Amino acid sequence: MTEFVIWRLLQIVPVLLGITLVAFLAFYYTPGDPVSLMLGEVATEDVAERIRTRLGLDQPAYMQYLLFLGGLLQGDLGTSYLSRLPVTTTLLPALKATFQLTGAALLLAIVIGVPIGIIAAIRRARFLDYFLMSVSIAGISAPVFWIGMLLIYVFALQLRILPTGGSESPESIILPMLTLGIFVSATLARMTRSCMLEVLGQDYIRTARAKGLSETTVYVKHALRNASIPIVTTIGLQFGNLMGGSILTETVFAWPGIGRVVVQAIFQRDAPTVQGGIVIIGIMFSLINLAVDLLYAKLDPAVRYAADDED
């Protein structure tokens, strides 16, 4: 197991290097002068040149990238062009807020989506199955921002029981959590149903029933456990997608997450903040995929053995 973990960690290294390169080039080749943005139109050329030299912007592209990479290795994401503060002072609190939102939304999606998928598989080709899958299709098809605005209209404007946005009170997380959770739960429900149907047709399920085991034991201990790997894959991918894709939800609800901070930095052309946000999201996505791989190996040792054989 230790060798499996080390091998997966080594595979992350080139991925992270690629992420840092993309993050750097995204703004290096974007038109515009960041120094002019920082100083405004009243600054003289001499002052601008001194700022460029201090920031290393007068260096060739490869040297700027190496400086950027060296800072990352020391935990330094740079300094914001606008606030003149370290990028980490802005992004780390935003990352915590995003974790709170996506973690709550994913937990809600698992609690709702997985049981719905199991029930639909058990009641296959019956009214309940058709109804639950129709609702799931509606949840997947509806745009996230539309779901968010609908929830705001109903619960904030009409019923006046929840705030429209922000993070000033504990209730503020409910609407954005529901917005993301509804979409992900619909995806999990369909995946769980599909995996359960495939497993329920296997011979060992019929053998378990022939032994006189209860239906609950058959469904949970035998069927769900053996169908868990694709479900875990979907959960891991959805968590990663939520980390990087909650931008619309955070914007609609004014939630102070990393996606909203990065979008604001893009409009303000604050390159260090954008690059730092991209790198952090990429690192989180890679670590989530690593966690999913490790969970694979825990659920199915054959996965770990297969990786060892390839080595």
C-alpha atoms as a PDB file:
ATOM      1  CA  MET A   1       0.000   0.000   0.000  1.00  0.00           C
ATOM      2  CA  THR A   2       2.893   2.366   0.756  1.00  0.00           C
ATOM      3  CA  GLU A   3       4.356   1.849  -2.705  1.00  0.00           C
ATOM      4  CA  PHE A   4       0.928   2.500  -4.218  1.00  0.00           C
ATOM      5  CA  VAL A   5       0.657   5.825  -2.369  1.00  0.00           C
ATOM      6  CA  ILE A   6       4.184   6.895  -3.372  1.00  0.00           C
ATOM      7  CA  TRP A   7       3.491   6.027  -7.011  1.00  0.00           C
ATOM      8  CA  ARG A   8       0.297   8.081  -7.036  1.00  0.00           C
ATOM      9  CA  LEU A   9       2.085  11.041  -5.401  1.00  0.00           C
ATOM     10  CA  LEU A  10       4.811  10.924  -8.058  1.00  0.00           C
ATOM     11  CA  GLN A  11       2.149  10.978 -10.768  1.00  0.00           C
ATOM     12  CA  ILE A  12       0.770  14.225  -9.352  1.00  0.00           C
ATOM     13  CA  VAL A  13       4.079  16.090  -9.797  1.00  0.00           C
ATOM     14  CA  PRO A  14       3.941  16.535 -13.631  1.00  0.00           C
ATOM     15  CA  VAL A  15       0.252  17.423 -13.363  1.00  0.00           C
ATOM     16  CA  LEU A  16       1.005  20.211 -10.908  1.00  0.00           C
ATOM     17  CA  LEU A  17       3.864  21.469 -13.094  1.00  0.00           C
ATOM     18  CA  GLY A  18       1.463  21.634 -16.029  1.00  0.00           C
ATOM     19  CA  ILE A  19      -1.060  23.548 -13.921  1.00  0.00           C
ATOM     20  CA  THR A  20       1.562  26.117 -12.859  1.00  0.00           C
ATOM     21  CA  LEU A  21       2.688  26.548 -16.475  1.00  0.00           C
ATOM     22  CA  VAL A  22      -0.872  27.112 -17.712  1.00  0.00           C
ATOM     23  CA  ALA A  23      -1.558  29.526 -14.847  1.00  0.00           C
ATOM     24  CA  PHE A  24       1.564  31.527 -15.706  1.00  0.00           C
ATOM     25  CA  LEU A  25       1.079  31.611 -19.489  1.00  0.00           C
ATOM     26  CA  ALA A  26      -2.610  32.504 -19.182  1.00  0.00           C
ATOM     27  CA  PHE A  27      -1.721  35.988 -18.030  1.00  0.00           C
ATOM     28  CA  TYR A  28       1.751  36.395 -19.485  1.00  0.00           C
ATOM     29  CA  TYR A  29       0.333  36.475 -23.022  1.00  0.00           C
ATOM     30  CA  THR A  30      -2.777  38.449 -22.082  1.00  0.00           C
ATOM     31  CA  PRO A  31      -2.640  41.996 -23.532  1.00  0.00           C
ATOM     32  CA  GLY A  32      -2.188  44.816 -21.060  1.00  0.00           C
ATOM     33  CA  ASP A  33       0.428  46.158 -18.666  1.00  0.00           C
ATOM     34  CA  PRO A  34      -0.060  45.177 -15.017  1.00  0.00           C
ATOM     35  CA  VAL A  35       2.235  47.981 -13.859  1.00  0.00           C
ATOM     36  CA  SER A  36       0.024  50.571 -15.547  1.00  0.00           C
ATOM     37  CA  LEU A  37      -2.936  49.023 -13.745  1.00  0.00           C
ATOM     38  CA  MET A  38      -1.167  49.300 -10.416  1.00  0.00           C
ATOM     39  CA  LEU A  39       0.059  52.876 -10.811  1.00  0.00           C
ATOM     40  CA  GLY A  40      -2.663  54.435 -12.927  1.00  0.00           C
ATOM     41  CA  GLU A  41      -2.193  56.983 -15.690  1.00  0.00           C
ATOM     42  CA  VAL A  42      -0.345  59.563 -13.586  1.00  0.00           C
ATOM     43  CA  ALA A  43       2.807  57.466 -13.025  1.00  0.00           C
ATOM     44  CA  THR A  44       5.979  58.344 -14.903  1.00  0.00           C
ATOM     45  CA  GLU A  45       7.857  55.868 -17.069  1.00  0.00           C
ATOM     46  CA  ASP A  46      10.824  55.852 -14.679  1.00  0.00           C
ATOM     47  CA  VAL A  47       8.615  54.796 -11.770  1.00  0.00           C
ATOM     48  CA  ALA A  48       6.951  52.139 -13.937  1.00  0.00           C
ATOM     49  CA  GLU A  49      10.331  50.704 -14.936  1.00  0.00           C
ATOM     50  CA  ARG A  50      11.455  50.496 -11.313  1.00  0.00           C
ATOM     51  CA  ILE A  51       8.255  48.641 -10.424  1.00  0.00           C
ATOM     52  CA  ARG A  52       8.736  46.230 -13.339  1.00  0.00           C
ATOM     53  CA  THR A  53      12.292  45.532 -12.189  1.00  0.00           C
ATOM     54  CA  ARG A  54      11.204  44.989  -8.589  1.00  0.00           C
ATOM     55  CA  LEU A  55       8.472  42.558  -9.665  1.00  0.00           C
ATOM     56  CA  GLY A  56      10.748  40.778 -12.152  1.00  0.00           C
ATOM     57  CA  LEU A  57       8.510  41.703 -15.077  1.00  0.00           C
ATOM     58  CA  ASP A  58      11.520  42.895 -17.078  1.00  0.00           C
ATOM     59  CA  GLN A  59      12.894  39.332 -17.151  1.00  0.00           C
ATOM     60  CA  PRO A  60      12.394  36.867 -20.032  1.00  0.00           C
ATOM     61  CA  ALA A  61       9.347  34.627 -19.881  1.00  0.00           C
ATOM     62  CA  TYR A  62      11.240  31.522 -18.750  1.00  0.00           C
ATOM     63  CA  MET A  63      12.920  33.454 -15.929  1.00  0.00           C
ATOM     64  CA  GLN A  64       9.593  34.885 -14.757  1.00  0.00           C
ATOM     65  CA  TYR A  65       8.153  31.377 -14.725  1.00  0.00           C
ATOM     66  CA  LEU A  66      11.094  30.051 -12.701  1.00  0.00           C
ATOM     67  CA  LEU A  67      10.666  32.901 -10.214  1.00  0.00           C
ATOM     68  CA  PHE A  68       6.963  32.111 -10.043  1.00  0.00           C
ATOM     69  CA  LEU A  69       7.682  28.410  -9.511  1.00  0.00           C
ATOM     70  CA  GLY A  70      10.335  29.152  -6.903  1.00  0.00           C
ATOM     71  CA  GLY A  71       7.873  31.263  -4.957  1.00  0.00           C
ATOM     72  CA  LEU A  72       5.298  28.461  -5.068  1.00  0.00           C
ATOM     73  CA  LEU A  73       7.805  25.971  -3.669  1.00  0.00           C
ATOM     74  CA  GLN A  74       8.259  28.329  -0.709  1.00  0.00           C
ATOM     75  CA  GLY A  75       4.508  28.788  -0.265  1.00  0.00           C
ATOM     76  CA  ASP A  76       4.586  32.285  -1.770  1.00  0.00           C
ATOM     77  CA  LEU A  77       1.827  32.925  -4.324  1.00  0.00           C
ATOM     78  CA  GLY A  78       2.965  36.487  -4.950  1.00  0.00           C
ATOM     79  CA  THR A  79       1.532  39.881  -4.114  1.00  0.00           C
ATOM     80  CA  SER A  80      -1.746  41.269  -5.406  1.00  0.00           C
ATOM     81  CA  TYR A  81      -1.328  44.101  -7.894  1.00  0.00           C
ATOM     82  CA  LEU A  82      -4.287  45.968  -6.445  1.00  0.00           C
ATOM     83  CA  SER A  83      -4.367  45.371  -2.689  1.00  0.00           C
ATOM     84  CA  ARG A  84      -0.542  45.074  -2.424  1.00  0.00           C
ATOM     85  CA  LEU A  85      -1.140  42.231   0.045  1.00  0.00           C
ATOM     86  CA  PRO A  86       0.137  38.641  -0.212  1.00  0.00           C
ATOM     87  CA  VAL A  87      -2.207  36.572  -2.363  1.00  0.00           C
ATOM     88  CA  THR A  88      -2.457  33.916   0.348  1.00  0.00           C
ATOM     89  CA  THR A  89      -4.135  36.404   2.722  1.00  0.00           C
ATOM     90  CA  THR A  90      -7.001  36.647   0.221  1.00  0.00           C
ATOM     91  CA  LEU A  91      -7.170  33.131  -1.165  1.00  0.00           C
ATOM     92  CA  LEU A  92      -6.857  31.028   2.002  1.00  0.00           C
ATOM     93  CA  PRO A  93      -9.981  32.452   3.705  1.00  0.00           C
ATOM     94  CA  ALA A  94     -11.777  32.156   0.342  1.00  0.00           C
ATOM     95  CA  LEU A  95     -10.618  28.524   0.047  1.00  0.00           C
ATOM     96  CA  LYS A  96     -12.019  27.794   3.505  1.00  0.00           C
ATOM     97  CA  ALA A  97     -15.373  29.299   2.484  1.00  0.00           C
ATOM     98  CA  THR A  98     -15.408  27.212  -0.710  1.00  0.00           C
ATOM     99  CA  PHE A  99     -14.616  24.051   1.262  1.00  0.00           C
ATOM    100  CA  GLN A 100     -17.498  24.786   3.609  1.00  0.00           C
ATOM    101  CA  LEU A 101     -19.915  25.271   0.726  1.00  0.00           C
ATOM    102  CA  THR A 102     -18.801  22.366  -1.456  1.00  0.00           C
ATOM    103  CA  GLY A 103     -18.447  19.982   1.488  1.00  0.00           C
ATOM    104  CA  ALA A 104     -21.957  20.760   2.696  1.00  0.00           C
ATOM    105  CA  ALA A 105     -23.363  20.500  -0.844  1.00  0.00           C
ATOM    106  CA  LEU A 106     -21.636  17.163  -1.495  1.00  0.00           C
ATOM    107  CA  LEU A 107     -22.821  15.717   1.831  1.00  0.00           C
ATOM    108  CA  LEU A 108     -26.370  16.782   0.997  1.00  0.00           C
ATOM    109  CA  ALA A 109     -26.046  15.249  -2.475  1.00  0.00           C
ATOM    110  CA  ILE A 110     -24.847  11.918  -1.063  1.00  0.00           C
ATOM    111  CA  VAL A 111     -27.617  11.782   1.532  1.00  0.00           C
ATOM    112  CA  ILE A 112     -30.247  12.476  -1.140  1.00  0.00           C
ATOM    113  CA  GLY A 113     -28.811  11.038  -4.359  1.00  0.00           C
ATOM    114  CA  VAL A 114     -27.524   7.618  -3.277  1.00  0.00           C
ATOM    115  CA  PRO A 115     -30.758   6.505  -1.525  1.00  0.00           C
ATOM    116  CA  ILE A 116     -32.827   7.757  -4.479  1.00  0.00           C
ATOM    117  CA  GLY A 117     -30.666   5.712  -6.858  1.00  0.00           C
ATOM    118  CA  ILE A 118     -30.987   2.600  -4.700  1.00  0.00           C
ATOM    119  CA  ILE A 119     -34.771   2.958  -4.433  1.00  0.00           C
ATOM    120  CA  ALA A 120     -35.093   3.514  -8.179  1.00  0.00           C
ATOM    121  CA  ALA A 121     -33.031   0.387  -8.889  1.00  0.00           C
ATOM    122  CA  ILE A 122     -35.096  -1.709  -6.476  1.00  0.00           C
ATOM    123  CA  ARG A 123     -38.345  -0.409  -8.054  1.00  0.00           C
ATOM    124  CA  ARG A 124     -37.073  -0.731 -11.609  1.00  0.00           C
ATOM    125  CA  ALA A 125     -39.616  -0.095 -14.386  1.00  0.00           C
ATOM    126  CA  ARG A 126     -42.280   0.949 -11.888  1.00  0.00           C
ATOM    127  CA  PHE A 127     -43.930   4.296 -11.310  1.00  0.00           C
ATOM    128  CA  LEU A 128     -41.532   5.288  -8.495  1.00  0.00           C
ATOM    129  CA  ASP A 129     -38.520   4.550 -10.702  1.00  0.00           C
ATOM    130  CA  TYR A 130     -39.898   6.644 -13.579  1.00  0.00           C
ATOM    131  CA  PHE A 131     -40.815   9.488 -11.237  1.00  0.00           C
ATOM    132  CA  LEU A 132     -37.454   9.625  -9.439  1.00  0.00           C
ATOM    133  CA  MET A 133     -35.451   9.445 -12.663  1.00  0.00           C
ATOM    134  CA  SER A 134     -37.606  12.141 -14.258  1.00  0.00           C
ATOM    135  CA  VAL A 135     -36.872  14.400 -11.294  1.00  0.00           C
ATOM    136  CA  SER A 136     -33.173  13.541 -11.613  1.00  0.00           C
ATOM    137  CA  ILE A 137     -33.133  14.451 -15.291  1.00  0.00           C
ATOM    138  CA  ALA A 138     -34.774  17.770 -14.448  1.00  0.00           C
ATOM    139  CA  GLY A 139     -32.128  18.400 -11.786  1.00  0.00           C
ATOM    140  CA  ILE A 140     -29.288  17.682 -14.198  1.00  0.00           C
ATOM    141  CA  SER A 141     -30.785  19.714 -17.039  1.00  0.00           C
ATOM    142  CA  ALA A 142     -31.600  22.858 -15.042  1.00  0.00           C
ATOM    143  CA  PRO A 143     -28.769  25.454 -15.115  1.00  0.00           C
ATOM    144  CA  VAL A 144     -27.184  26.011 -11.724  1.00  0.00           C
ATOM    145  CA  PHE A 145     -27.682  29.781 -11.813  1.00  0.00           C
ATOM    146  CA  TRP A 146     -31.384  29.287 -12.655  1.00  0.00           C
ATOM    147  CA  ILE A 147     -31.821  26.948  -9.674  1.00  0.00           C
ATOM    148  CA  GLY A 148     -30.113  29.532  -7.495  1.00  0.00           C
ATOM    149  CA  MET A 149     -32.310  32.397  -8.655  1.00  0.00           C
ATOM    150  CA  LEU A 150     -35.430  30.252  -8.241  1.00  0.00           C
ATOM    151  CA  LEU A 151     -34.471  29.399  -4.660  1.00  0.00           C
ATOM    152  CA  ILE A 152     -33.792  33.072  -3.925  1.00  0.00           C
ATOM    153  CA  TYR A 153     -37.190  34.035  -5.312  1.00  0.00           C
ATOM    154  CA  VAL A 154     -39.074  31.410  -3.285  1.00  0.00           C
ATOM    155  CA  PHE A 155     -37.244  31.303   0.051  1.00  0.00           C
ATOM    156  CA  ALA A 156     -35.760  34.796   0.270  1.00  0.00           C
ATOM    157  CA  LEU A 157     -38.176  37.092  -1.578  1.00  0.00           C
ATOM    158  CA  GLN A 158     -41.533  35.340  -1.156  1.00  0.00           C
ATOM    159  CA  LEU A 159     -41.267  33.373   2.087  1.00  0.00           C
ATOM    160  CA  ARG A 160     -38.563  35.646   3.589  1.00  0.00           C
ATOM    161  CA  ILE A 161     -37.124  32.850   5.709  1.00  0.00           C
ATOM    162  CA  LEU A 162     -33.572  32.809   4.316  1.00  0.00           C
ATOM    163  CA  PRO A 163     -31.084  35.529   3.303  1.00  0.00           C
ATOM    164  CA  THR A 164     -30.488  36.224  -0.381  1.00  0.00           C
ATOM    165  CA  GLY A 165     -26.725  35.859  -0.078  1.00  0.00           C
ATOM    166  CA  GLY A 166     -23.559  36.736   1.750  1.00  0.00           C
ATOM    167  CA  SER A 167     -22.040  34.878   4.697  1.00  0.00           C
ATOM    168  CA  GLU A 168     -23.065  36.998   7.663  1.00  0.00           C
ATOM    169  CA  SER A 169     -25.216  34.319   9.323  1.00  0.00           C
ATOM    170  CA  PRO A 170     -25.176  30.493   9.494  1.00  0.00           C
ATOM    171  CA  GLU A 171     -28.378  30.421   7.410  1.00  0.00           C
ATOM    172  CA  SER A 172     -26.558  32.083   4.501  1.00  0.00           C
ATOM    173  CA  ILE A 173     -25.066  28.775   3.376  1.00  0.00           C
ATOM    174  CA  ILE A 174     -28.421  27.002   2.990  1.00  0.00           C
ATOM    175  CA  LEU A 175     -29.479  28.354  -0.417  1.00  0.00           C
ATOM    176  CA  PRO A 176     -26.092  27.983  -2.168  1.00  0.00           C
ATOM    177  CA  MET A 177     -25.736  24.528  -0.602  1.00  0.00           C
ATOM    178  CA  LEU A 178     -29.144  23.518  -1.968  1.00  0.00           C
ATOM    179  CA  THR A 179     -28.287  24.956  -5.385  1.00  0.00           C
ATOM    180  CA  LEU A 180     -25.147  22.853  -5.750  1.00  0.00           C
ATOM    181  CA  GLY A 181     -26.550  19.850  -3.880  1.00  0.00           C
ATOM    182  CA  ILE A 182     -29.604  19.498  -6.132  1.00  0.00           C
ATOM    183  CA  PHE A 183     -27.479  19.276  -9.264  1.00  0.00           C
ATOM    184  CA  VAL A 184     -24.961  16.810  -7.823  1.00  0.00           C
ATOM    185  CA  SER A 185     -27.615  14.647  -6.146  1.00  0.00           C
ATOM    186  CA  ALA A 186     -29.347  14.196  -9.505  1.00  0.00           C
ATOM    187  CA  THR A 187     -26.077  12.976 -11.053  1.00  0.00           C
ATOM    188  CA  LEU A 188     -25.392  10.627  -8.130  1.00  0.00           C
ATOM    189  CA  ALA A 189     -28.924   9.231  -8.248  1.00  0.00           C
ATOM    190  CA  ARG A 190     -28.634   8.214 -11.894  1.00  0.00           C
ATOM    191  CA  MET A 191     -25.143   6.755 -11.440  1.00  0.00           C
ATOM    192  CA  THR A 192     -26.197   4.807  -8.328  1.00  0.00           C
ATOM    193  CA  ARG A 193     -29.249   3.389 -10.099  1.00  0.00           C
ATOM    194  CA  SER A 194     -27.190   2.291 -13.097  1.00  0.00           C
ATOM    195  CA  CYS A 195     -24.510   0.617 -10.958  1.00  0.00           C
ATOM    196  CA  MET A 196     -27.050  -1.094  -8.723  1.00  0.00           C
ATOM    197  CA  LEU A 197     -28.969  -2.499 -11.691  1.00  0.00           C
ATOM    198  CA  GLU A 198     -25.767  -3.947 -13.124  1.00  0.00           C
ATOM    199  CA  VAL A 199     -24.849  -5.607  -9.828  1.00  0.00           C
ATOM    200  CA  LEU A 200     -28.340  -6.888  -8.968  1.00  0.00           C
ATOM    201  CA  GLY A 201     -28.248  -9.122 -12.016  1.00  0.00           C
ATOM    202  CA  GLN A 202     -25.096 -10.971 -10.915  1.00  0.00           C
ATOM    203  CA  ASP A 203     -25.054 -14.595  -9.776  1.00  0.00           C
ATOM    204  CA  TYR A 204     -23.763 -13.864  -6.257  1.00  0.00           C
ATOM    205  CA  ILE A 205     -26.849 -11.713  -5.586  1.00  0.00           C
ATOM    206  CA  ARG A 206     -29.106 -14.653  -6.446  1.00  0.00           C
ATOM    207  CA  THR A 207     -26.919 -16.871  -4.244  1.00  0.00           C
ATOM    208  CA  ALA A 208     -27.243 -14.452  -1.334  1.00  0.00           C
ATOM    209  CA  ARG A 209     -31.016 -14.481  -1.687  1.00  0.00           C
ATOM    210  CA  ALA A 210     -31.030 -18.279  -1.923  1.00  0.00           C
ATOM    211  CA  LYS A 211     -29.206 -18.412   1.428  1.00  0.00           C
ATOM    212  CA  GLY A 212     -32.147 -16.647   3.005  1.00  0.00           C
ATOM    213  CA  LEU A 213     -30.458 -13.291   3.642  1.00  0.00           C
ATOM    214  CA  SER A 214     -32.758 -10.346   4.165  1.00  0.00           C
ATOM    215  CA  GLU A 215     -33.333  -7.941   1.270  1.00  0.00           C
ATOM    216  CA  THR A 216     -31.694  -5.131   3.258  1.00  0.00           C
ATOM    217  CA  THR A 217     -28.534  -7.213   3.691  1.00  0.00           C
ATOM    218  CA  VAL A 218     -28.538  -8.141  -0.002  1.00  0.00           C
ATOM    219  CA  TYR A 219     -28.941  -4.550  -1.164  1.00  0.00           C
ATOM    220  CA  VAL A 220     -26.575  -2.862   1.287  1.00  0.00           C
ATOM    221  CA  LYS A 221     -23.877  -5.422   2.119  1.00  0.00           C
ATOM    222  CA  HIS A 222     -23.598  -7.188  -1.238  1.00  0.00           C
ATOM    223  CA  ALA A 223     -25.035  -5.024  -4.010  1.00  0.00           C
ATOM    224  CA  LEU A 224     -24.111  -1.514  -2.857  1.00  0.00           C
ATOM    225  CA  ARG A 225     -20.603  -2.485  -1.755  1.00  0.00           C
ATOM    226  CA  ASN A 226     -19.795  -4.038  -5.122  1.00  0.00           C
ATOM    227  CA  ALA A 227     -21.338  -1.105  -6.972  1.00  0.00           C
ATOM    228  CA  SER A 228     -19.459   1.443  -4.863  1.00  0.00           C
ATOM    229  CA  ILE A 229     -16.368   2.032  -7.043  1.00  0.00           C
ATOM    230  CA  PRO A 230     -18.177   3.865  -9.893  1.00  0.00           C
ATOM    231  CA  ILE A 231     -20.205   5.745  -7.278  1.00  0.00           C
ATOM    232  CA  VAL A 232     -17.046   6.760  -5.419  1.00  0.00           C
ATOM    233  CA  THR A 233     -15.575   7.887  -8.737  1.00  0.00           C
ATOM    234  CA  THR A 234     -18.571  10.105  -9.379  1.00  0.00           C
ATOM    235  CA  ILE A 235     -18.449  11.536  -5.851  1.00  0.00           C
ATOM    236  CA  GLY A 236     -14.744  12.329  -6.174  1.00  0.00           C
ATOM    237  CA  LEU A 237     -15.136  13.941  -9.579  1.00  0.00           C
ATOM    238  CA  GLN A 238     -18.148  15.936  -8.427  1.00  0.00           C
ATOM    239  CA  PHE A 239     -16.238  17.213  -5.394  1.00  0.00           C
ATOM    240  CA  GLY A 240     -13.404  18.332  -7.651  1.00  0.00           C
ATOM    241  CA  ASN A 241     -15.846  19.925 -10.077  1.00  0.00           C
ATOM    242  CA  LEU A 242     -17.581  21.713  -7.211  1.00  0.00           C
ATOM    243  CA  MET A 243     -14.247  23.111  -6.003  1.00  0.00           C
ATOM    244  CA  GLY A 244     -13.533  24.700  -9.369  1.00  0.00           C
ATOM    245  CA  GLY A 245     -17.018  25.056 -10.760  1.00  0.00           C
ATOM    246  CA  SER A 246     -18.905  26.758  -7.943  1.00  0.00           C
ATOM    247  CA  ILE A 247     -18.078  30.157  -9.463  1.00  0.00           C
ATOM    248  CA  LEU A 248     -21.617  30.835 -10.667  1.00  0.00           C
ATOM    249  CA  THR A 249     -23.173  29.844  -7.366  1.00  0.00           C
ATOM    250  CA  GLU A 250     -20.708  31.905  -5.350  1.00  0.00           C
ATOM    251  CA  THR A 251     -21.380  34.879  -7.632  1.00  0.00           C
ATOM    252  CA  VAL A 252     -25.181  34.555  -7.479  1.00  0.00           C
ATOM    253  CA  PHE A 253     -25.203  34.292  -3.681  1.00  0.00           C
ATOM    254  CA  ALA A 254     -22.243  36.627  -3.047  1.00  0.00           C
ATOM    255  CA  TRP A 255     -20.532  33.761  -1.229  1.00  0.00           C
ATOM    256  CA  PRO A 256     -16.890  34.729  -0.463  1.00  0.00           C
ATOM    257  CA  GLY A 257     -15.361  31.621  -2.021  1.00  0.00           C
ATOM    258  CA  ILE A 258     -12.258  31.209  -4.135  1.00  0.00           C
ATOM    259  CA  GLY A 259     -14.229  31.093  -7.383  1.00  0.00           C
ATOM    260  CA  ARG A 260     -15.788  34.494  -6.768  1.00  0.00           C
ATOM    261  CA  VAL A 261     -12.411  35.961  -5.769  1.00  0.00           C
ATOM    262  CA  VAL A 262     -10.786  34.658  -8.966  1.00  0.00           C
ATOM    263  CA  VAL A 263     -13.580  36.050 -11.153  1.00  0.00           C
ATOM    264  CA  GLN A 264     -13.218  39.477  -9.562  1.00  0.00           C
ATOM    265  CA  ALA A 265      -9.446  39.304 -10.039  1.00  0.00           C
ATOM    266  CA  ILE A 266      -9.900  38.450 -13.737  1.00  0.00           C
ATOM    267  CA  PHE A 267     -12.017  41.559 -14.311  1.00  0.00           C
ATOM    268  CA  GLN A 268      -9.457  43.634 -12.401  1.00  0.00           C
ATOM    269  CA  ARG A 269      -6.528  41.997 -14.242  1.00  0.00           C
ATOM    270  CA  ASP A 270      -4.914  41.039 -10.946  1.00  0.00           C
ATOM    271  CA  ALA A 271      -2.625  38.335 -12.370  1.00  0.00           C
ATOM    272  CA  PRO A 272      -1.042  37.022  -9.133  1.00  0.00           C
ATOM    273  CA  THR A 273      -4.457  36.446  -7.549  1.00  0.00           C
ATOM    274  CA  VAL A 274      -5.762  34.647 -10.640  1.00  0.00           C
ATOM    275  CA  GLN A 275      -2.634  32.512 -10.959  1.00  0.00           C
ATOM    276  CA  GLY A 276      -2.690  31.656  -7.262  1.00  0.00           C
ATOM    277  CA  GLY A 277      -6.366  30.707  -7.458  1.00  0.00           C
ATOM    278  CA  ILE A 278      -5.771  28.448 -10.473  1.00  0.00           C
ATOM    279  CA  VAL A 279      -2.853  26.729  -8.747  1.00  0.00           C
ATOM    280  CA  ILE A 280      -4.783  26.182  -5.501  1.00  0.00           C
ATOM    281  CA  ILE A 281      -7.815  24.778  -7.327  1.00  0.00           C
ATOM    282  CA  GLY A 282      -5.531  22.501  -9.371  1.00  0.00           C
ATOM    283  CA  ILE A 283      -3.765  21.234  -6.254  1.00  0.00           C
ATOM    284  CA  MET A 284      -7.066  20.558  -4.513  1.00  0.00           C
ATOM    285  CA  PHE A 285      -8.408  18.699  -7.560  1.00  0.00           C
ATOM    286  CA  SER A 286      -5.240  16.556  -7.720  1.00  0.00           C
ATOM    287  CA  LEU A 287      -5.419  15.733  -4.018  1.00  0.00           C
ATOM    288  CA  ILE A 288      -9.084  14.797  -4.328  1.00  0.00           C
ATOM    289  CA  ASN A 289      -8.264  12.448  -7.198  1.00  0.00           C
ATOM    290  CA  LEU A 290      -5.477  10.946  -5.076  1.00  0.00           C
ATOM    291  CA  ALA A 291      -7.945  10.372  -2.242  1.00  0.00           C
ATOM    292  CA  VAL A 292     -10.317   8.661  -4.676  1.00  0.00           C
ATOM    293  CA  ASP A 293      -7.500   6.400  -5.906  1.00  0.00           C
ATOM    294  CA  LEU A 294      -6.629   5.434  -2.346  1.00  0.00           C
ATOM    295  CA  LEU A 295     -10.261   4.700  -1.609  1.00  0.00           C
ATOM    296  CA  TYR A 296     -10.331   2.518  -4.749  1.00  0.00           C
ATOM    297  CA  ALA A 297      -7.467   0.474  -3.347  1.00  0.00           C
ATOM    298  CA  LYS A 298      -9.279   0.165  -0.027  1.00  0.00           C
ATOM    299  CA  LEU A 299     -12.562  -0.956  -1.583  1.00  0.00           C
ATOM    300  CA  ASP A 300     -11.005  -3.210  -4.220  1.00  0.00           C
ATOM    301  CA  PRO A 301      -7.462  -4.520  -3.541  1.00  0.00           C
ATOM    302  CA  ALA A 302      -7.301  -5.706  -7.167  1.00  0.00           C
ATOM    303  CA  VAL A 303      -6.871  -2.070  -8.184  1.00  0.00           C
ATOM    304  CA  ARG A 304      -3.729  -1.795  -6.076  1.00  0.00           C
ATOM    305  CA  TYR A 305      -2.381  -5.115  -7.324  1.00  0.00           C
ATOM    306  CA  ALA A 306      -3.007  -4.093 -10.937  1.00  0.00           C
ATOM    307  CA  ALA A 307      -1.019  -0.904 -10.414  1.00  0.00           C
ATOM    308  CA  ASP A 308       1.831  -2.898  -8.855  1.00  0.00           C
ATOM    309  CA  ASP A 309       1.850  -5.279 -11.830  1.00  0.00           C
ATOM    310  CA  GLU A 310       2.141  -2.344 -14.257  1.00  0.00           C
ATOM    311  CA  ASP A 311       5.204  -1.119 -12.359  1.00  0.00           C
END
